[in-house]
């Protein structure tokens, strides 16, 4: 049993859905990203070059404050935590969205902040093809997401994979879940959940489900 699990993935991959299901069953603390409170997000999708830096800085500050507050209590009391994001998500998106000089400044801030946050005992990355991601994005109906270009989603996936491959001293599970519907098919959820709690070595492992 891992006490701190982070579920990661692209936009529309099912991170929040799976986090909700796991935390409810396991009766542990659920930590969901508070992205809807970010006023820069809809502005960014309309004018990316203008709002990219304030967007990424505001997300970094918000994620840090939320993780630091919740995970300090987790460390103190030993309660389990399921989160639907990792702090390094900020770095993945910043590398795509920011100019080089902005990114190098952002990276310096990230490294200072990242050193203060406990790391997940297990990182689970949910991968779906872009066509499936777009279906999910359309279905959930957030207006500011409806015009996200497919190549942007491809860039996000490539950014995640590049970062995850460098995590040599953390346990990382990459799940190809195109054929799964863990929200509506109990057998899919049980199969996925079983994989999450198997003993693992440090480094990245891939499964196609």
N, C-alpha and C. Protein backbone atom coordinates (compact mmCIF):
# COMPACT_ATOMS: atom_id res chain seq x y z
N UNK A 1 0.84 -1.20 0.00
CA UNK A 1 0.00 0.00 0.00
C UNK A 1 0.88 1.25 0.00
N UNK A 2 0.63 2.12 -0.96
CA UNK A 2 1.35 3.39 -1.02
C UNK A 2 0.53 4.46 -0.30
N UNK A 3 1.18 5.23 0.55
CA UNK A 3 0.47 6.25 1.31
C UNK A 3 0.22 7.53 0.53
N UNK A 4 1.02 7.78 -0.51
CA UNK A 4 0.86 9.00 -1.31
C UNK A 4 1.00 8.63 -2.78
N UNK A 5 -0.13 8.66 -3.47
CA UNK A 5 -0.18 8.33 -4.90
C UNK A 5 -0.62 9.57 -5.67
N UNK A 6 0.08 9.86 -6.76
CA UNK A 6 -0.30 10.96 -7.64
C UNK A 6 -0.71 10.39 -8.99
N UNK A 7 -1.90 10.78 -9.45
CA UNK A 7 -2.41 10.37 -10.75
C UNK A 7 -2.17 11.52 -11.73
N UNK A 8 -1.41 11.25 -12.78
CA UNK A 8 -1.11 12.29 -13.77
C UNK A 8 -1.60 11.86 -15.15
N UNK A 9 -1.55 12.80 -16.08
CA UNK A 9 -1.97 12.50 -17.43
C UNK A 9 -2.31 13.77 -18.18
N UNK A 10 -2.63 13.62 -19.43
CA UNK A 10 -2.95 14.74 -20.30
C UNK A 10 -4.31 15.34 -19.95
N UNK A 11 -4.65 16.43 -20.59
CA UNK A 11 -5.97 17.03 -20.43
C UNK A 11 -7.01 16.03 -20.94
N UNK A 12 -7.98 15.68 -20.08
CA UNK A 12 -9.02 14.75 -20.50
C UNK A 12 -8.68 13.28 -20.38
N UNK A 13 -7.58 12.96 -19.69
CA UNK A 13 -7.16 11.55 -19.60
C UNK A 13 -7.94 10.75 -18.56
N UNK A 14 -8.56 11.44 -17.60
CA UNK A 14 -9.32 10.74 -16.55
C UNK A 14 -8.67 10.79 -15.19
N UNK A 15 -7.76 11.72 -14.98
CA UNK A 15 -7.03 11.83 -13.71
C UNK A 15 -7.96 12.03 -12.52
N UNK A 16 -8.84 13.01 -12.65
CA UNK A 16 -9.71 13.36 -11.53
C UNK A 16 -10.73 12.26 -11.26
N UNK A 17 -11.26 11.67 -12.32
CA UNK A 17 -12.22 10.57 -12.16
C UNK A 17 -11.60 9.42 -11.38
N UNK A 18 -10.42 8.99 -11.79
CA UNK A 18 -9.76 7.87 -11.11
C UNK A 18 -9.38 8.25 -9.68
N UNK A 19 -8.91 9.46 -9.47
CA UNK A 19 -8.54 9.90 -8.12
C UNK A 19 -9.75 9.88 -7.19
N UNK A 20 -10.88 10.34 -7.69
CA UNK A 20 -12.11 10.31 -6.89
C UNK A 20 -12.51 8.89 -6.53
N UNK A 21 -12.44 7.99 -7.50
CA UNK A 21 -12.84 6.60 -7.26
C UNK A 21 -11.93 5.93 -6.23
N UNK A 22 -10.63 6.11 -6.39
CA UNK A 22 -9.67 5.48 -5.47
C UNK A 22 -9.80 6.03 -4.06
N UNK A 23 -9.90 7.33 -3.94
CA UNK A 23 -9.95 7.93 -2.60
C UNK A 23 -11.23 7.56 -1.87
N UNK A 24 -12.34 7.47 -2.60
CA UNK A 24 -13.61 7.09 -1.98
C UNK A 24 -13.55 5.65 -1.47
N UNK A 25 -12.99 4.76 -2.26
CA UNK A 25 -12.91 3.36 -1.85
C UNK A 25 -11.93 3.17 -0.70
N UNK A 26 -10.79 3.86 -0.76
CA UNK A 26 -9.73 3.67 0.23
C UNK A 26 -9.91 4.53 1.47
N UNK A 27 -10.84 5.49 1.39
CA UNK A 27 -11.11 6.41 2.51
C UNK A 27 -9.84 7.15 2.93
N UNK A 28 -9.19 7.77 1.94
CA UNK A 28 -8.00 8.57 2.18
C UNK A 28 -8.27 9.99 1.69
N UNK A 29 -7.35 10.89 2.02
CA UNK A 29 -7.49 12.29 1.63
C UNK A 29 -7.40 12.43 0.11
N UNK A 30 -8.33 13.19 -0.45
CA UNK A 30 -8.35 13.46 -1.89
C UNK A 30 -7.84 14.88 -2.12
N UNK A 31 -6.86 15.00 -3.00
CA UNK A 31 -6.27 16.30 -3.30
C UNK A 31 -6.45 16.58 -4.78
N UNK A 32 -7.39 17.47 -5.11
CA UNK A 32 -7.69 17.80 -6.50
C UNK A 32 -7.17 19.19 -6.83
N UNK A 33 -6.63 19.31 -8.04
CA UNK A 33 -6.11 20.61 -8.45
C UNK A 33 -7.24 21.62 -8.58
N UNK A 34 -7.00 22.83 -8.11
CA UNK A 34 -8.01 23.88 -8.10
C UNK A 34 -7.83 24.80 -9.30
N UNK A 35 -7.85 24.22 -10.49
CA UNK A 35 -7.56 25.00 -11.70
C UNK A 35 -8.68 25.94 -12.09
N UNK A 36 -9.92 25.64 -11.70
CA UNK A 36 -11.04 26.46 -12.13
C UNK A 36 -11.03 27.84 -11.49
N UNK A 37 -10.24 28.01 -10.42
CA UNK A 37 -10.13 29.31 -9.77
C UNK A 37 -9.12 30.21 -10.45
N UNK A 38 -8.43 29.72 -11.47
CA UNK A 38 -7.38 30.51 -12.12
C UNK A 38 -7.97 31.36 -13.24
N UNK A 39 -8.02 32.67 -12.99
CA UNK A 39 -8.64 33.58 -13.95
C UNK A 39 -7.84 33.73 -15.24
N UNK A 40 -6.56 33.33 -15.21
CA UNK A 40 -5.73 33.45 -16.41
C UNK A 40 -6.00 32.34 -17.43
N UNK A 41 -6.62 31.25 -17.01
CA UNK A 41 -6.73 30.09 -17.89
C UNK A 41 -7.56 30.37 -19.14
N UNK A 42 -8.79 30.87 -19.03
CA UNK A 42 -9.54 31.17 -20.26
C UNK A 42 -8.86 32.25 -21.11
N UNK A 43 -8.18 33.20 -20.45
CA UNK A 43 -7.46 34.24 -21.19
C UNK A 43 -6.29 33.64 -21.97
N UNK A 44 -5.62 32.66 -21.36
CA UNK A 44 -4.48 32.02 -22.02
C UNK A 44 -4.90 31.33 -23.31
N UNK A 45 -6.03 30.63 -23.29
CA UNK A 45 -6.46 29.90 -24.48
C UNK A 45 -6.83 30.86 -25.62
N UNK A 46 -7.19 32.11 -25.27
CA UNK A 46 -7.50 33.10 -26.30
C UNK A 46 -6.25 33.82 -26.79
N UNK A 47 -5.33 34.13 -25.86
CA UNK A 47 -4.09 34.85 -26.20
C UNK A 47 -2.91 34.19 -25.50
N UNK A 48 -2.43 33.06 -26.02
CA UNK A 48 -1.39 32.29 -25.34
C UNK A 48 -0.11 33.07 -25.06
N UNK A 49 0.39 33.79 -26.04
CA UNK A 49 1.68 34.47 -25.84
C UNK A 49 1.59 35.56 -24.78
N UNK A 50 0.45 36.19 -24.65
CA UNK A 50 0.28 37.28 -23.68
C UNK A 50 0.14 36.75 -22.25
N UNK A 51 -0.55 35.65 -22.09
CA UNK A 51 -0.91 35.20 -20.74
C UNK A 51 -0.16 33.96 -20.27
N UNK A 52 0.75 33.42 -21.07
CA UNK A 52 1.43 32.18 -20.68
C UNK A 52 2.21 32.32 -19.38
N UNK A 53 3.02 33.36 -19.26
CA UNK A 53 3.87 33.48 -18.07
C UNK A 53 3.05 33.71 -16.79
N UNK A 54 2.11 34.68 -16.76
CA UNK A 54 1.31 34.81 -15.54
C UNK A 54 0.49 33.56 -15.23
N UNK A 55 0.03 32.86 -16.27
CA UNK A 55 -0.72 31.62 -16.04
C UNK A 55 0.15 30.59 -15.34
N UNK A 56 1.35 30.35 -15.88
CA UNK A 56 2.21 29.31 -15.31
C UNK A 56 2.70 29.68 -13.92
N UNK A 57 2.99 30.95 -13.68
CA UNK A 57 3.42 31.38 -12.34
C UNK A 57 2.28 31.24 -11.33
N UNK A 58 1.08 31.58 -11.74
CA UNK A 58 -0.05 31.47 -10.82
C UNK A 58 -0.37 30.02 -10.52
N UNK A 59 -0.25 29.14 -11.52
CA UNK A 59 -0.45 27.71 -11.28
C UNK A 59 0.62 27.16 -10.34
N UNK A 60 1.85 27.56 -10.55
CA UNK A 60 2.94 27.08 -9.68
C UNK A 60 2.69 27.48 -8.24
N UNK A 61 2.31 28.73 -8.02
CA UNK A 61 2.05 29.21 -6.66
C UNK A 61 0.87 28.48 -6.04
N UNK A 62 -0.19 28.30 -6.82
CA UNK A 62 -1.38 27.62 -6.31
C UNK A 62 -1.10 26.16 -5.96
N UNK A 63 -0.40 25.46 -6.85
CA UNK A 63 -0.08 24.05 -6.60
C UNK A 63 0.82 23.91 -5.38
N UNK A 64 1.80 24.79 -5.27
CA UNK A 64 2.70 24.74 -4.12
C UNK A 64 1.94 24.94 -2.82
N UNK A 65 1.10 25.97 -2.76
CA UNK A 65 0.35 26.24 -1.53
C UNK A 65 -0.56 25.08 -1.16
N UNK A 66 -1.23 24.51 -2.14
CA UNK A 66 -2.15 23.40 -1.86
C UNK A 66 -1.39 22.16 -1.40
N UNK A 67 -0.33 21.81 -2.12
CA UNK A 67 0.44 20.62 -1.76
C UNK A 67 1.13 20.77 -0.42
N UNK A 68 1.71 21.93 -0.18
CA UNK A 68 2.43 22.14 1.08
C UNK A 68 1.49 22.02 2.27
N UNK A 69 0.30 22.63 2.15
CA UNK A 69 -0.67 22.56 3.24
C UNK A 69 -1.17 21.16 3.50
N UNK A 70 -1.56 20.45 2.45
CA UNK A 70 -2.11 19.11 2.62
C UNK A 70 -1.05 18.08 3.00
N UNK A 71 0.11 18.16 2.36
CA UNK A 71 1.12 17.13 2.57
C UNK A 71 1.86 17.31 3.88
N UNK A 72 1.87 18.51 4.43
CA UNK A 72 2.42 18.67 5.78
C UNK A 72 1.59 17.89 6.78
N UNK A 73 0.26 17.95 6.62
CA UNK A 73 -0.62 17.17 7.50
C UNK A 73 -0.45 15.68 7.25
N UNK A 74 -0.28 15.30 5.99
CA UNK A 74 -0.06 13.89 5.65
C UNK A 74 1.21 13.38 6.33
N UNK A 75 2.27 14.18 6.28
CA UNK A 75 3.54 13.77 6.89
C UNK A 75 3.40 13.68 8.40
N UNK A 76 2.61 14.58 8.97
CA UNK A 76 2.47 14.64 10.42
C UNK A 76 1.64 13.49 10.96
N UNK A 77 0.54 13.19 10.29
CA UNK A 77 -0.40 12.21 10.82
C UNK A 77 -0.35 10.86 10.10
N UNK A 78 0.35 10.78 8.99
CA UNK A 78 0.48 9.51 8.28
C UNK A 78 -0.77 9.10 7.52
N UNK A 79 -1.68 10.05 7.25
CA UNK A 79 -2.88 9.73 6.48
C UNK A 79 -2.53 9.50 5.02
N UNK A 80 -3.30 8.63 4.35
CA UNK A 80 -3.07 8.41 2.94
C UNK A 80 -3.57 9.57 2.10
N UNK A 81 -2.95 9.77 0.93
CA UNK A 81 -3.31 10.86 0.03
C UNK A 81 -3.35 10.34 -1.41
N UNK A 82 -4.43 10.70 -2.12
CA UNK A 82 -4.51 10.51 -3.56
C UNK A 82 -4.63 11.90 -4.18
N UNK A 83 -3.71 12.25 -5.07
CA UNK A 83 -3.74 13.55 -5.74
C UNK A 83 -3.92 13.37 -7.23
N UNK A 84 -4.58 14.33 -7.88
CA UNK A 84 -4.76 14.22 -9.33
C UNK A 84 -3.75 15.09 -10.10
N UNK A 85 -2.63 15.39 -9.45
CA UNK A 85 -1.54 16.10 -10.13
C UNK A 85 -0.27 16.02 -9.30
N UNK A 86 0.86 16.27 -9.96
CA UNK A 86 2.16 16.44 -9.31
C UNK A 86 2.63 17.87 -9.54
N UNK A 87 3.51 18.35 -8.69
CA UNK A 87 4.03 19.70 -8.88
C UNK A 87 4.78 19.83 -10.20
N UNK A 88 5.46 18.77 -10.65
CA UNK A 88 6.23 18.87 -11.89
C UNK A 88 5.37 19.11 -13.11
N UNK A 89 4.05 18.97 -12.96
CA UNK A 89 3.14 19.34 -14.03
C UNK A 89 3.40 20.77 -14.49
N UNK A 90 3.71 21.63 -13.53
CA UNK A 90 4.00 23.03 -13.85
C UNK A 90 5.16 23.14 -14.82
N UNK A 91 6.18 22.33 -14.61
CA UNK A 91 7.37 22.38 -15.46
C UNK A 91 7.07 21.86 -16.87
N UNK A 92 6.27 20.82 -16.95
CA UNK A 92 5.90 20.24 -18.25
C UNK A 92 5.18 21.28 -19.11
N UNK A 93 4.19 21.94 -18.52
CA UNK A 93 3.41 22.92 -19.28
C UNK A 93 4.22 24.18 -19.55
N UNK A 94 5.04 24.60 -18.60
CA UNK A 94 5.86 25.80 -18.80
C UNK A 94 6.82 25.63 -19.96
N UNK A 95 7.39 24.45 -20.09
CA UNK A 95 8.36 24.21 -21.17
C UNK A 95 7.70 24.33 -22.54
N UNK A 96 6.42 24.00 -22.61
CA UNK A 96 5.68 24.12 -23.87
C UNK A 96 5.24 25.56 -24.12
N UNK A 97 4.76 26.22 -23.08
CA UNK A 97 4.06 27.49 -23.24
C UNK A 97 4.93 28.73 -23.18
N UNK A 98 6.10 28.65 -22.56
CA UNK A 98 6.91 29.84 -22.31
C UNK A 98 8.04 30.00 -23.32
N UNK A 99 8.44 31.24 -23.52
CA UNK A 99 9.65 31.53 -24.28
C UNK A 99 10.87 31.06 -23.48
N UNK A 100 12.00 30.90 -24.15
CA UNK A 100 13.18 30.33 -23.49
C UNK A 100 13.61 31.11 -22.26
N UNK A 101 13.66 32.45 -22.35
CA UNK A 101 14.10 33.24 -21.21
C UNK A 101 13.11 33.15 -20.06
N UNK A 102 11.83 33.12 -20.39
CA UNK A 102 10.80 32.97 -19.36
C UNK A 102 10.91 31.60 -18.69
N UNK A 103 11.15 30.58 -19.52
CA UNK A 103 11.24 29.23 -18.97
C UNK A 103 12.42 29.08 -18.02
N UNK A 104 13.55 29.65 -18.34
CA UNK A 104 14.73 29.53 -17.46
C UNK A 104 14.48 30.23 -16.12
N UNK A 105 13.79 31.36 -16.14
CA UNK A 105 13.40 32.02 -14.89
C UNK A 105 12.41 31.15 -14.12
N UNK A 106 11.45 30.59 -14.84
CA UNK A 106 10.46 29.72 -14.21
C UNK A 106 11.13 28.50 -13.58
N UNK A 107 12.09 27.92 -14.28
CA UNK A 107 12.79 26.74 -13.79
C UNK A 107 13.49 27.02 -12.47
N UNK A 108 14.09 28.19 -12.33
CA UNK A 108 14.75 28.55 -11.07
C UNK A 108 13.75 28.60 -9.92
N UNK A 109 12.59 29.18 -10.18
CA UNK A 109 11.54 29.25 -9.16
C UNK A 109 11.04 27.84 -8.82
N UNK A 110 10.85 27.03 -9.85
CA UNK A 110 10.35 25.68 -9.63
C UNK A 110 11.30 24.87 -8.75
N UNK A 111 12.58 24.94 -9.01
CA UNK A 111 13.56 24.15 -8.26
C UNK A 111 13.57 24.54 -6.78
N UNK A 112 13.40 25.81 -6.48
CA UNK A 112 13.34 26.26 -5.08
C UNK A 112 12.10 25.68 -4.40
N UNK A 113 10.97 25.74 -5.10
CA UNK A 113 9.70 25.29 -4.53
C UNK A 113 9.64 23.77 -4.44
N UNK A 114 10.09 23.09 -5.49
CA UNK A 114 10.00 21.64 -5.55
C UNK A 114 10.76 20.96 -4.40
N UNK A 115 11.84 21.56 -3.96
CA UNK A 115 12.64 20.99 -2.88
C UNK A 115 11.90 20.96 -1.56
N UNK A 116 10.81 21.71 -1.45
CA UNK A 116 10.07 21.81 -0.19
C UNK A 116 8.86 20.88 -0.12
N UNK A 117 8.61 20.13 -1.18
CA UNK A 117 7.39 19.32 -1.27
C UNK A 117 7.73 17.84 -1.23
N UNK A 118 7.06 17.04 -0.37
CA UNK A 118 7.27 15.58 -0.38
C UNK A 118 6.91 14.99 -1.74
N UNK A 119 7.64 13.97 -2.14
CA UNK A 119 7.40 13.34 -3.44
C UNK A 119 6.44 12.16 -3.30
N UNK A 120 5.61 11.90 -4.31
CA UNK A 120 4.71 10.75 -4.25
C UNK A 120 5.48 9.44 -4.15
N UNK A 121 4.90 8.48 -3.44
CA UNK A 121 5.49 7.15 -3.38
C UNK A 121 5.26 6.40 -4.70
N UNK A 122 4.19 6.77 -5.41
CA UNK A 122 3.90 6.19 -6.72
C UNK A 122 3.29 7.27 -7.60
N UNK A 123 3.82 7.40 -8.82
CA UNK A 123 3.24 8.28 -9.83
C UNK A 123 2.61 7.41 -10.90
N UNK A 124 1.33 7.64 -11.18
CA UNK A 124 0.61 6.89 -12.21
C UNK A 124 0.28 7.86 -13.34
N UNK A 125 0.76 7.55 -14.54
CA UNK A 125 0.48 8.40 -15.70
C UNK A 125 -0.51 7.68 -16.62
N UNK A 126 -1.67 8.29 -16.81
CA UNK A 126 -2.71 7.73 -17.67
C UNK A 126 -2.53 8.25 -19.09
N UNK A 127 -2.35 7.34 -20.04
CA UNK A 127 -2.17 7.77 -21.44
C UNK A 127 -3.33 7.29 -22.29
N UNK A 128 -3.93 8.25 -22.99
CA UNK A 128 -4.94 7.95 -24.01
C UNK A 128 -4.52 8.66 -25.30
N UNK A 129 -4.91 8.14 -26.46
CA UNK A 129 -4.60 8.83 -27.72
C UNK A 129 -5.36 10.16 -27.80
N UNK A 130 -4.85 11.05 -28.61
CA UNK A 130 -5.41 12.40 -28.70
C UNK A 130 -6.88 12.37 -29.12
N UNK A 131 -7.26 11.47 -30.01
CA UNK A 131 -8.66 11.40 -30.43
C UNK A 131 -9.59 11.13 -29.25
N UNK A 132 -9.15 10.27 -28.34
CA UNK A 132 -9.96 9.96 -27.16
C UNK A 132 -9.97 11.15 -26.19
N UNK A 133 -8.84 11.82 -26.04
CA UNK A 133 -8.78 13.00 -25.18
C UNK A 133 -9.77 14.06 -25.65
N UNK A 134 -9.80 14.29 -26.95
CA UNK A 134 -10.69 15.31 -27.50
C UNK A 134 -12.15 14.93 -27.26
N UNK A 135 -12.48 13.66 -27.38
CA UNK A 135 -13.84 13.21 -27.08
C UNK A 135 -14.22 13.55 -25.64
N UNK A 136 -13.30 13.29 -24.72
CA UNK A 136 -13.57 13.58 -23.30
C UNK A 136 -13.68 15.08 -23.06
N UNK A 137 -12.82 15.85 -23.71
CA UNK A 137 -12.85 17.31 -23.55
C UNK A 137 -14.19 17.87 -24.03
N UNK A 138 -14.64 17.40 -25.18
CA UNK A 138 -15.93 17.85 -25.72
C UNK A 138 -17.06 17.45 -24.78
N UNK A 139 -17.01 16.23 -24.28
CA UNK A 139 -18.09 15.71 -23.44
C UNK A 139 -18.23 16.48 -22.14
N UNK A 140 -17.10 16.87 -21.52
CA UNK A 140 -17.22 17.57 -20.23
C UNK A 140 -17.55 19.04 -20.40
N UNK A 141 -17.34 19.60 -21.58
CA UNK A 141 -17.96 20.87 -21.95
C UNK A 141 -17.40 22.14 -21.35
N UNK A 142 -16.15 22.15 -20.93
CA UNK A 142 -15.56 23.41 -20.46
C UNK A 142 -15.30 24.29 -21.68
N UNK A 143 -15.93 25.46 -21.71
CA UNK A 143 -15.92 26.28 -22.92
C UNK A 143 -14.51 26.65 -23.37
N UNK A 144 -13.63 26.96 -22.41
CA UNK A 144 -12.29 27.42 -22.78
C UNK A 144 -11.39 26.30 -23.29
N UNK A 145 -11.83 25.03 -23.15
CA UNK A 145 -11.03 23.90 -23.64
C UNK A 145 -11.41 23.43 -25.04
N UNK A 146 -12.52 23.92 -25.55
CA UNK A 146 -13.09 23.31 -26.76
C UNK A 146 -12.25 23.51 -28.02
N UNK A 147 -11.38 24.51 -28.03
CA UNK A 147 -10.57 24.77 -29.22
C UNK A 147 -9.11 24.39 -29.03
N UNK A 148 -8.81 23.53 -28.05
CA UNK A 148 -7.43 23.09 -27.86
C UNK A 148 -6.98 22.30 -29.09
N UNK A 149 -5.87 22.70 -29.73
CA UNK A 149 -5.41 21.99 -30.93
C UNK A 149 -4.88 20.59 -30.58
N UNK A 150 -5.10 19.62 -31.45
CA UNK A 150 -4.56 18.27 -31.20
C UNK A 150 -3.05 18.24 -31.02
N UNK A 151 -2.32 19.09 -31.76
CA UNK A 151 -0.86 19.06 -31.62
C UNK A 151 -0.40 19.56 -30.26
N UNK A 152 -1.21 20.41 -29.62
CA UNK A 152 -0.88 20.86 -28.26
C UNK A 152 -0.98 19.69 -27.29
N UNK A 153 -1.99 18.86 -27.46
CA UNK A 153 -2.13 17.67 -26.62
C UNK A 153 -0.98 16.70 -26.85
N UNK A 154 -0.53 16.58 -28.09
CA UNK A 154 0.63 15.74 -28.39
C UNK A 154 1.88 16.28 -27.69
N UNK A 155 2.06 17.59 -27.71
CA UNK A 155 3.20 18.20 -27.04
C UNK A 155 3.17 17.94 -25.55
N UNK A 156 2.00 18.00 -24.96
CA UNK A 156 1.87 17.75 -23.52
C UNK A 156 2.30 16.33 -23.20
N UNK A 157 1.82 15.37 -23.98
CA UNK A 157 2.20 13.98 -23.74
C UNK A 157 3.70 13.78 -23.87
N UNK A 158 4.28 14.34 -24.92
CA UNK A 158 5.72 14.21 -25.11
C UNK A 158 6.49 14.86 -23.96
N UNK A 159 5.99 15.99 -23.46
CA UNK A 159 6.63 16.65 -22.33
C UNK A 159 6.58 15.82 -21.07
N UNK A 160 5.44 15.21 -20.80
CA UNK A 160 5.32 14.32 -19.64
C UNK A 160 6.28 13.15 -19.75
N UNK A 161 6.30 12.50 -20.90
CA UNK A 161 7.14 11.31 -21.05
C UNK A 161 8.61 11.65 -20.91
N UNK A 162 9.01 12.78 -21.45
CA UNK A 162 10.40 13.21 -21.32
C UNK A 162 10.76 13.41 -19.86
N UNK A 163 9.87 14.03 -19.10
CA UNK A 163 10.15 14.27 -17.68
C UNK A 163 10.13 12.97 -16.88
N UNK A 164 9.14 12.14 -17.12
CA UNK A 164 9.00 10.90 -16.34
C UNK A 164 10.18 9.97 -16.54
N UNK A 165 10.72 9.93 -17.75
CA UNK A 165 11.87 9.06 -18.02
C UNK A 165 13.10 9.46 -17.21
N UNK A 166 13.13 10.70 -16.75
CA UNK A 166 14.26 11.16 -15.95
C UNK A 166 14.12 10.89 -14.47
N UNK A 167 12.99 10.36 -14.04
CA UNK A 167 12.77 10.11 -12.60
C UNK A 167 13.29 8.72 -12.24
N UNK A 168 14.59 8.61 -12.10
CA UNK A 168 15.23 7.32 -11.86
C UNK A 168 15.01 6.80 -10.44
N UNK A 169 14.70 7.69 -9.51
CA UNK A 169 14.61 7.28 -8.10
C UNK A 169 13.18 7.38 -7.56
N UNK A 170 12.20 7.40 -8.45
CA UNK A 170 10.80 7.34 -8.06
C UNK A 170 10.12 6.21 -8.80
N UNK A 171 9.03 5.73 -8.24
CA UNK A 171 8.26 4.67 -8.87
C UNK A 171 7.21 5.30 -9.79
N UNK A 172 7.31 4.97 -11.08
CA UNK A 172 6.44 5.57 -12.09
C UNK A 172 5.77 4.46 -12.88
N UNK A 173 4.45 4.55 -12.99
CA UNK A 173 3.66 3.56 -13.71
C UNK A 173 2.94 4.26 -14.85
N UNK A 174 3.27 3.91 -16.08
CA UNK A 174 2.62 4.48 -17.26
C UNK A 174 1.61 3.47 -17.79
N UNK A 175 0.34 3.87 -17.82
CA UNK A 175 -0.73 2.96 -18.22
C UNK A 175 -1.37 3.44 -19.52
N UNK A 176 -1.30 2.59 -20.54
CA UNK A 176 -1.98 2.85 -21.81
C UNK A 176 -3.41 2.33 -21.67
N UNK A 177 -4.37 3.26 -21.58
CA UNK A 177 -5.72 2.86 -21.19
C UNK A 177 -6.76 3.15 -22.27
N UNK A 178 -6.35 3.15 -23.51
CA UNK A 178 -7.28 3.45 -24.60
C UNK A 178 -8.47 2.51 -24.61
N UNK A 179 -8.25 1.24 -24.31
CA UNK A 179 -9.33 0.25 -24.39
C UNK A 179 -10.12 0.12 -23.09
N UNK A 180 -9.78 0.93 -22.09
CA UNK A 180 -10.42 0.79 -20.78
C UNK A 180 -11.52 1.83 -20.56
N UNK A 181 -12.50 1.45 -19.76
CA UNK A 181 -13.52 2.38 -19.27
C UNK A 181 -13.69 2.11 -17.78
N UNK A 182 -12.70 2.53 -16.99
CA UNK A 182 -12.72 2.19 -15.56
C UNK A 182 -13.83 2.89 -14.80
N UNK A 183 -14.40 3.95 -15.39
CA UNK A 183 -15.49 4.65 -14.71
C UNK A 183 -16.79 3.85 -14.76
N UNK A 184 -17.03 3.13 -15.85
CA UNK A 184 -18.31 2.44 -16.05
C UNK A 184 -18.21 0.92 -16.06
N UNK A 185 -17.00 0.38 -16.15
CA UNK A 185 -16.82 -1.07 -16.17
C UNK A 185 -16.04 -1.50 -14.93
N UNK A 186 -16.72 -2.11 -13.95
CA UNK A 186 -16.05 -2.50 -12.71
C UNK A 186 -14.84 -3.39 -12.93
N UNK A 187 -14.90 -4.28 -13.94
CA UNK A 187 -13.77 -5.18 -14.17
C UNK A 187 -12.52 -4.41 -14.62
N UNK A 188 -12.72 -3.32 -15.37
CA UNK A 188 -11.58 -2.48 -15.77
C UNK A 188 -10.98 -1.77 -14.57
N UNK A 189 -11.83 -1.25 -13.72
CA UNK A 189 -11.36 -0.55 -12.52
C UNK A 189 -10.59 -1.51 -11.61
N UNK A 190 -11.10 -2.70 -11.41
CA UNK A 190 -10.44 -3.69 -10.55
C UNK A 190 -9.07 -4.06 -11.12
N UNK A 191 -9.00 -4.25 -12.42
CA UNK A 191 -7.73 -4.60 -13.07
C UNK A 191 -6.71 -3.48 -12.90
N UNK A 192 -7.14 -2.26 -13.14
CA UNK A 192 -6.25 -1.11 -13.01
C UNK A 192 -5.79 -0.94 -11.57
N UNK A 193 -6.72 -1.05 -10.65
CA UNK A 193 -6.39 -0.86 -9.23
C UNK A 193 -5.39 -1.91 -8.75
N UNK A 194 -5.53 -3.13 -9.23
CA UNK A 194 -4.59 -4.19 -8.84
C UNK A 194 -3.17 -3.84 -9.24
N UNK A 195 -3.00 -3.28 -10.43
CA UNK A 195 -1.68 -2.87 -10.89
C UNK A 195 -1.07 -1.80 -10.00
N UNK A 196 -1.91 -0.90 -9.52
CA UNK A 196 -1.42 0.21 -8.72
C UNK A 196 -0.77 -0.25 -7.43
N UNK A 197 -1.23 -1.35 -6.87
CA UNK A 197 -0.76 -1.73 -5.54
C UNK A 197 0.20 -2.91 -5.54
N UNK A 198 0.67 -3.28 -6.71
CA UNK A 198 1.72 -4.30 -6.76
C UNK A 198 3.06 -3.68 -6.34
N UNK A 199 3.92 -4.46 -5.67
CA UNK A 199 5.26 -3.95 -5.31
C UNK A 199 6.04 -3.57 -6.58
N UNK A 200 6.78 -2.47 -6.51
CA UNK A 200 7.49 -1.99 -7.69
C UNK A 200 8.89 -1.51 -7.34
N UNK A 201 9.76 -1.59 -8.34
CA UNK A 201 11.09 -1.02 -8.24
C UNK A 201 11.05 0.44 -8.67
N UNK A 202 12.08 1.18 -8.31
CA UNK A 202 12.18 2.56 -8.78
C UNK A 202 12.39 2.59 -10.29
N UNK A 203 11.93 3.66 -10.91
CA UNK A 203 12.03 3.79 -12.36
C UNK A 203 10.66 3.71 -13.00
N UNK A 204 10.64 3.71 -14.33
CA UNK A 204 9.39 3.77 -15.08
C UNK A 204 9.02 2.39 -15.63
N UNK A 205 7.73 2.04 -15.49
CA UNK A 205 7.21 0.78 -16.03
C UNK A 205 5.96 1.07 -16.86
N UNK A 206 5.82 0.37 -17.99
CA UNK A 206 4.72 0.59 -18.92
C UNK A 206 3.80 -0.63 -18.96
N UNK A 207 2.49 -0.36 -19.04
CA UNK A 207 1.51 -1.43 -19.24
C UNK A 207 0.48 -0.96 -20.26
N UNK A 208 0.12 -1.83 -21.18
CA UNK A 208 -0.98 -1.57 -22.11
C UNK A 208 -2.18 -2.37 -21.64
N UNK A 209 -3.26 -1.69 -21.30
CA UNK A 209 -4.43 -2.36 -20.72
C UNK A 209 -5.59 -2.41 -21.72
